[in-house]
Amino acid sequence: MNLKARLRTAIAKRNALTVDQMAQLLGCPKQVVLNLVELGRLTPLSTNPLVFSQEEAQRGKKEYDRRQEALTEIIHLGEGLE
């Protein structure tokens, strides 16, 4: 890895979010963050410890919001069937 790439990685890790911080940002339990990683919907900077870049945190927030909206719509549609 060249110097430029190593510097980018070091800066990203310095500004990285932990799983707990990511869960707080998303407004969800820690297990939801771990599930999103397991499903491949979030990509951590490193796995030991599990940390996320600021860009990935924003992407994760959008993904989580999208899933919440879909779930709300499913519930709304289900209520219409009663």
Protein backbone atom coordinates (compact mmCIF):
# COMPACT_ATOMS: atom_id res chain seq x y z
CA MET A 1 0.00 0.00 0.00
CA ASN A 2 1.45 3.33 -0.99
CA LEU A 3 1.79 6.30 1.35
CA LYS A 4 -1.22 8.16 -0.02
CA ALA A 5 -3.49 5.17 0.51
CA ARG A 6 -2.13 4.59 4.02
CA LEU A 7 -2.78 8.24 4.92
CA ARG A 8 -6.35 8.04 3.61
CA THR A 9 -6.93 4.89 5.67
CA ALA A 10 -5.42 6.46 8.81
CA ILE A 11 -7.58 9.59 8.48
CA ALA A 12 -10.70 7.52 7.86
CA LYS A 13 -10.04 5.35 10.91
CA ARG A 14 -9.41 8.40 13.09
CA ASN A 15 -12.85 9.76 12.16
CA ALA A 16 -14.48 6.33 12.26
CA LEU A 17 -17.63 5.45 14.15
CA THR A 18 -17.92 2.45 16.43
CA VAL A 19 -20.88 0.06 16.31
CA ASP A 20 -22.43 1.85 19.30
CA GLN A 21 -22.02 5.26 17.65
CA MET A 22 -23.45 3.89 14.39
CA ALA A 23 -26.47 2.49 16.24
CA GLN A 24 -26.99 5.86 17.93
CA LEU A 25 -26.78 7.67 14.57
CA LEU A 26 -29.30 5.29 13.02
CA GLY A 27 -31.51 5.33 16.08
CA CYS A 28 -31.59 1.57 16.30
CA PRO A 29 -30.28 -1.25 18.51
CA LYS A 30 -26.68 -2.36 18.09
CA GLN A 31 -27.89 -5.74 16.76
CA VAL A 32 -29.51 -4.02 13.75
CA VAL A 33 -26.12 -2.54 12.77
CA LEU A 34 -24.50 -5.97 13.12
CA ASN A 35 -27.27 -7.51 11.00
CA LEU A 36 -26.76 -4.89 8.27
CA VAL A 37 -23.05 -5.73 8.21
CA GLU A 38 -23.79 -9.46 8.06
CA LEU A 39 -26.22 -8.91 5.17
CA GLY A 40 -23.60 -6.86 3.32
CA ARG A 41 -25.63 -3.65 3.49
CA LEU A 42 -22.90 -1.87 5.51
CA THR A 43 -19.17 -2.18 4.93
CA PRO A 44 -16.92 -1.49 7.91
CA LEU A 45 -13.43 0.02 7.58
CA SER A 46 -12.11 -2.79 9.74
CA THR A 47 -13.57 -5.76 11.52
CA ASN A 48 -11.36 -5.73 14.60
CA PRO A 49 -12.62 -3.45 16.00
CA LEU A 50 -15.70 -2.97 13.86
CA VAL A 51 -15.65 0.70 12.75
CA PHE A 52 -17.33 2.68 9.97
CA SER A 53 -16.28 5.69 7.91
CA GLN A 54 -18.36 8.86 7.93
CA GLU A 55 -19.40 8.15 4.33
CA GLU A 56 -20.51 4.65 5.24
CA ALA A 57 -22.43 6.03 8.21
CA GLN A 58 -24.38 8.34 5.90
CA ARG A 59 -25.01 5.50 3.47
CA GLY A 60 -26.13 3.33 6.37
CA LYS A 61 -28.52 6.03 7.57
CA LYS A 62 -30.12 6.20 4.12
CA GLU A 63 -30.37 2.40 3.94
CA TYR A 64 -31.90 2.16 7.41
CA ASP A 65 -34.41 4.94 6.64
CA ARG A 66 -35.34 3.22 3.36
CA ARG A 67 -35.98 -0.06 5.19
CA GLN A 68 -38.03 1.67 7.88
CA GLU A 69 -40.17 3.38 5.22
CA ALA A 70 -40.73 0.05 3.45
CA LEU A 71 -41.74 -1.62 6.73
CA THR A 72 -44.13 1.22 7.54
CA GLU A 73 -45.69 0.91 4.08
CA ILE A 74 -46.11 -2.86 4.48
CA ILE A 75 -47.84 -2.35 7.83
CA HIS A 76 -50.05 0.35 6.33
CA LEU A 77 -51.03 -1.90 3.44
CA GLY A 78 -51.73 -4.76 5.83
CA GLU A 79 -54.05 -2.58 7.88
CA GLY A 80 -56.01 -1.86 4.70
CA LEU A 81 -56.71 -5.57 4.25
CA GLU A 82 -58.62 -5.85 7.53
